[in-house]
Amino acid sequence: MTDSEETPDAMAGLSALADPVRRRLYEYVAGQDSPVRRDNAADAAGVSRTLAAYHLDRLADAGLLATSYARPEGQTGPGAGRPAKLYQRTDDELSVSVPPRSYAVLAGLLADAVSGDESGAVRDALLAAATEEGSKATRDGEDLLTTLRRRGYEPEVVDGEIDLRNCPFHQLAQRHVELVCGLNHALLRGVLSARGENPDCARLAPRPGHCCVVIRNKDGAQSA
């Protein structure tokens, strides 16, 4: 399928977020590490369960949420009732470029070239560029969590560390895990250095569904 053929679906998916209730529901589900029941989503968005179910299903139809079914934990057997419908964010990405552009293809080609350079010189240049990019990421007066959120990392403070719930380069990382993790690490070290903080506070800690880097939270920032 070409980029031009994918664009209408992407536009439809993104337009689904124009409704404010739907947007609140999506943000709540996307912020959870496990699938969400309709009741919980409704409570979080401040709407009825019926309205939440309608909007959640529209988000699923648009490809923004994935659905599954499961009974509540500890309830099994014939008398346990019907399994509940659950929602979670998909790994699929939606983007729209008008006119169509193929930046993802270019990124993949460049990553292939870096991986194929046996001398390591291109990789070293990429990591240096990532560090430099990180050093320019913070705006005047901006706290660290805001910087990370603006760069797409979805930070959350957990047990004294800043957990990055999203990798901005997720699709590329599926093909080039080591390269993209190194790039993320270098970029975030650059962010910390530019703020006058110890870049070693950023450490590699790969785990499914999250960025491969966590940051030691030295200033006691709270996740918003």
Protein backbone atom coordinates (compact mmCIF):
# COMPACT_ATOMS: atom_id res chain seq x y z
CA MET A 1 0.00 0.00 0.00
CA THR A 2 1.38 3.44 -0.90
CA ASP A 3 1.49 6.50 1.32
CA SER A 4 -1.24 8.15 -0.76
CA GLU A 5 -3.52 5.15 -0.23
CA GLU A 6 -2.95 5.24 3.51
CA THR A 7 -3.70 8.96 3.90
CA PRO A 8 -7.54 8.80 3.93
CA ASP A 9 -7.52 6.23 6.76
CA ALA A 10 -5.03 8.30 8.72
CA MET A 11 -7.10 11.44 8.27
CA ALA A 12 -10.24 9.61 9.43
CA GLY A 13 -8.42 8.26 12.46
CA LEU A 14 -7.02 11.61 13.49
CA SER A 15 -10.34 13.37 12.92
CA ALA A 16 -11.88 10.97 15.46
CA LEU A 17 -9.97 12.86 18.14
CA ALA A 18 -11.69 16.16 17.31
CA ASP A 19 -14.55 15.34 19.69
CA PRO A 20 -13.50 16.49 23.20
CA VAL A 21 -15.08 13.52 25.00
CA ARG A 22 -13.45 11.10 22.59
CA ARG A 23 -10.12 12.85 23.08
CA ARG A 24 -10.36 12.53 26.89
CA LEU A 25 -11.20 8.86 26.62
CA TYR A 26 -8.32 8.22 24.24
CA GLU A 27 -5.83 10.06 26.46
CA TYR A 28 -6.97 8.06 29.49
CA VAL A 29 -6.67 4.71 27.74
CA ALA A 30 -3.35 5.66 26.17
CA GLY A 31 -2.00 6.57 29.60
CA GLN A 32 -2.59 3.09 31.05
CA ASP A 33 -0.14 0.19 30.93
CA SER A 34 -2.89 -2.43 30.75
CA PRO A 35 -6.26 -2.74 28.94
CA VAL A 36 -9.07 -0.58 30.31
CA ARG A 37 -12.71 -1.43 31.05
CA ARG A 38 -15.50 0.84 29.85
CA ASP A 39 -16.52 1.68 33.42
CA ASN A 40 -13.05 2.94 34.33
CA ALA A 41 -12.77 5.00 31.16
CA ALA A 42 -16.22 6.50 31.75
CA ASP A 43 -15.32 7.51 35.31
CA ALA A 44 -12.03 9.05 34.16
CA ALA A 45 -13.72 11.08 31.41
CA GLY A 46 -16.70 12.06 33.57
CA VAL A 47 -19.32 10.59 31.23
CA SER A 48 -21.87 7.77 31.35
CA ARG A 49 -20.83 4.21 30.60
CA THR A 50 -23.12 4.15 27.56
CA LEU A 51 -21.58 7.30 26.09
CA ALA A 52 -18.08 6.04 26.87
CA ALA A 53 -18.79 2.74 25.14
CA TYR A 54 -20.00 4.55 22.02
CA HIS A 55 -16.91 6.77 21.78
CA LEU A 56 -14.48 3.97 22.67
CA ASP A 57 -15.89 1.82 19.90
CA ARG A 58 -15.58 4.72 17.43
CA LEU A 59 -11.93 5.08 18.44
CA ALA A 60 -11.46 1.36 17.87
CA ASP A 61 -13.14 1.61 14.45
CA ALA A 62 -10.73 4.42 13.57
CA GLY A 63 -7.75 2.22 14.44
CA LEU A 64 -6.67 4.26 17.47
CA LEU A 65 -7.60 1.63 20.06
CA ALA A 66 -7.43 -2.16 20.09
CA THR A 67 -10.09 -4.27 21.81
CA SER A 68 -10.07 -7.56 23.68
CA TYR A 69 -12.31 -9.46 26.09
CA ALA A 70 -11.57 -10.82 29.57
CA ARG A 71 -13.40 -11.69 32.75
CA PRO A 72 -12.52 -9.80 35.94
CA GLU A 73 -9.56 -11.29 37.75
CA GLY A 74 -10.56 -14.17 40.02
CA GLN A 75 -13.91 -14.78 38.30
CA THR A 76 -14.05 -18.00 36.33
CA GLY A 77 -16.55 -20.74 35.45
CA PRO A 78 -20.14 -20.69 34.22
CA GLY A 79 -21.34 -18.19 36.80
CA ALA A 80 -18.65 -15.61 36.17
CA GLY A 81 -20.72 -13.69 33.64
CA ARG A 82 -19.79 -12.37 30.23
CA PRO A 83 -16.22 -11.25 29.62
CA ALA A 84 -15.80 -7.48 29.72
CA LYS A 85 -14.71 -5.55 26.64
CA LEU A 86 -11.30 -3.97 27.15
CA TYR A 87 -9.50 -1.19 25.29
CA GLN A 88 -5.85 -0.26 24.88
CA ARG A 89 -3.80 1.92 22.59
CA THR A 90 -2.59 0.23 19.42
CA ASP A 91 1.01 0.12 18.26
CA ASP A 92 -0.10 1.46 14.88
CA GLU A 93 0.87 5.02 14.02
CA LEU A 94 -1.26 7.55 12.16
CA SER A 95 0.25 10.56 10.43
CA VAL A 96 -0.95 12.84 7.68
CA SER A 97 1.22 14.84 5.30
CA VAL A 98 -0.31 17.10 2.68
CA PRO A 99 1.07 16.69 0.07
CA PRO A 100 2.24 13.13 0.85
CA ARG A 101 5.81 12.79 2.11
CA SER A 102 7.84 9.66 2.93
CA TYR A 103 10.02 10.67 5.87
CA ALA A 104 9.63 7.24 7.48
CA VAL A 105 11.05 5.61 4.36
CA LEU A 106 13.99 8.02 4.40
CA ALA A 107 14.62 7.33 8.09
CA GLY A 108 14.60 3.60 7.42
CA LEU A 109 17.08 3.95 4.56
CA LEU A 110 19.42 6.05 6.68
CA ALA A 111 19.20 3.56 9.55
CA ASP A 112 19.99 0.73 7.13
CA ALA A 113 23.02 2.66 5.93
CA VAL A 114 24.25 3.26 9.48
CA SER A 115 23.83 -0.41 10.36
CA GLY A 116 25.71 -1.42 7.23
CA ASP A 117 28.72 0.78 7.93
CA GLU A 118 31.26 -1.66 9.37
CA SER A 119 33.72 1.11 10.26
CA GLY A 120 31.33 2.56 12.87
CA ALA A 121 32.11 6.10 11.72
CA VAL A 122 28.57 6.83 10.53
CA ARG A 123 27.11 5.50 13.79
CA ASP A 124 29.45 7.69 15.84
CA ALA A 125 28.44 10.71 13.77
CA LEU A 126 24.75 9.90 14.31
CA LEU A 127 25.14 9.61 18.09
CA ALA A 128 27.07 12.88 18.18
CA ALA A 129 24.29 14.54 16.19
CA ALA A 130 21.69 13.07 18.57
CA THR A 131 23.55 14.49 21.57
CA GLU A 132 23.68 17.89 19.87
CA GLU A 133 19.99 17.74 19.08
CA GLY A 134 19.24 16.93 22.71
CA SER A 135 21.29 19.89 23.88
CA LYS A 136 18.99 22.19 21.87
CA ALA A 137 15.74 20.58 23.02
CA THR A 138 15.01 22.59 26.17
CA ARG A 139 13.30 25.97 25.88
CA ASP A 140 14.01 28.81 28.29
CA GLY A 141 12.24 28.30 31.61
CA GLU A 142 10.98 24.85 30.66
CA ASP A 143 11.15 22.03 33.19
CA LEU A 144 12.48 18.61 32.26
CA LEU A 145 9.10 16.85 32.18
CA THR A 146 7.68 19.47 29.82
CA THR A 147 10.66 19.09 27.49
CA LEU A 148 10.29 15.31 27.44
CA ARG A 149 6.54 15.53 26.92
CA ARG A 150 6.95 17.94 24.03
CA ARG A 151 9.46 15.58 22.40
CA GLY A 152 6.93 12.74 22.54
CA TYR A 153 8.37 10.62 25.37
CA GLU A 154 5.24 10.69 27.59
CA PRO A 155 7.19 10.94 30.88
CA GLU A 156 5.83 9.68 34.18
CA VAL A 157 7.58 9.81 37.54
CA VAL A 158 7.68 6.34 39.11
CA ASP A 159 9.69 5.42 42.23
CA GLY A 160 12.17 8.27 41.89
CA GLU A 161 12.77 7.80 38.18
CA ILE A 162 11.25 9.33 35.08
CA ASP A 163 9.73 6.51 33.09
CA LEU A 164 9.37 7.29 29.39
CA ARG A 165 6.19 5.55 28.30
CA ASN A 166 6.62 6.18 24.58
CA CYS A 167 9.49 5.88 22.13
CA PRO A 168 9.15 8.63 19.49
CA PHE A 169 10.97 6.33 17.06
CA HIS A 170 9.01 3.17 17.83
CA GLN A 171 8.48 1.84 14.31
CA LEU A 172 12.11 2.35 13.35
CA ALA A 173 13.19 0.67 16.58
CA GLN A 174 11.45 -2.53 15.50
CA ARG A 175 14.06 -2.90 12.74
CA HIS A 176 17.07 -1.30 14.44
CA VAL A 177 16.71 -1.81 18.18
CA GLU A 178 20.33 -1.24 19.19
CA LEU A 179 20.78 1.76 16.92
CA VAL A 180 17.59 3.55 17.99
CA CYS A 181 18.18 2.83 21.69
CA GLY A 182 21.66 4.31 21.37
CA LEU A 183 20.22 7.34 19.59
CA ASN A 184 17.60 7.86 22.32
CA HIS A 185 20.24 7.52 25.02
CA ALA A 186 22.56 10.03 23.35
CA LEU A 187 19.72 12.50 22.75
CA LEU A 188 18.53 12.37 26.35
CA ARG A 189 22.07 12.69 27.69
CA GLY A 190 22.30 15.84 25.59
CA VAL A 191 19.08 17.15 27.11
CA LEU A 192 20.42 16.66 30.64
CA SER A 193 23.85 18.13 29.87
CA ALA A 194 22.27 21.28 28.43
CA ARG A 195 20.29 21.67 31.66
CA GLY A 196 23.45 21.41 33.76
CA GLU A 197 22.43 17.99 35.06
CA ASN A 198 24.46 14.80 35.14
CA PRO A 199 23.96 13.01 31.80
CA ASP A 200 24.58 9.70 33.59
CA CYS A 201 21.11 10.11 35.13
CA ALA A 202 19.86 8.77 31.80
CA ARG A 203 20.42 5.02 31.68
CA LEU A 204 19.44 2.25 29.32
CA ALA A 205 16.69 0.02 30.71
CA PRO A 206 14.88 -1.65 27.78
CA ARG A 207 11.43 -3.13 28.46
CA PRO A 208 8.38 -3.77 26.32
CA GLY A 209 6.00 -0.89 25.65
CA HIS A 210 8.34 1.86 26.88
CA CYS A 211 11.31 3.86 25.71
CA CYS A 212 14.59 2.04 26.35
CA VAL A 213 15.85 4.87 28.61
CA VAL A 214 14.86 5.90 32.14
CA ILE A 215 16.06 9.05 33.89
CA ARG A 216 16.89 9.35 37.56
CA ASN A 217 14.65 12.09 38.92
CA LYS A 218 16.95 14.37 40.90
CA ASP A 219 14.66 17.39 41.34
CA GLY A 220 11.59 15.58 42.66
CA ALA A 221 9.41 16.56 39.70
CA GLN A 222 5.90 15.18 39.74
CA SER A 223 4.22 13.72 36.70
CA ALA A 224 1.38 15.88 35.45
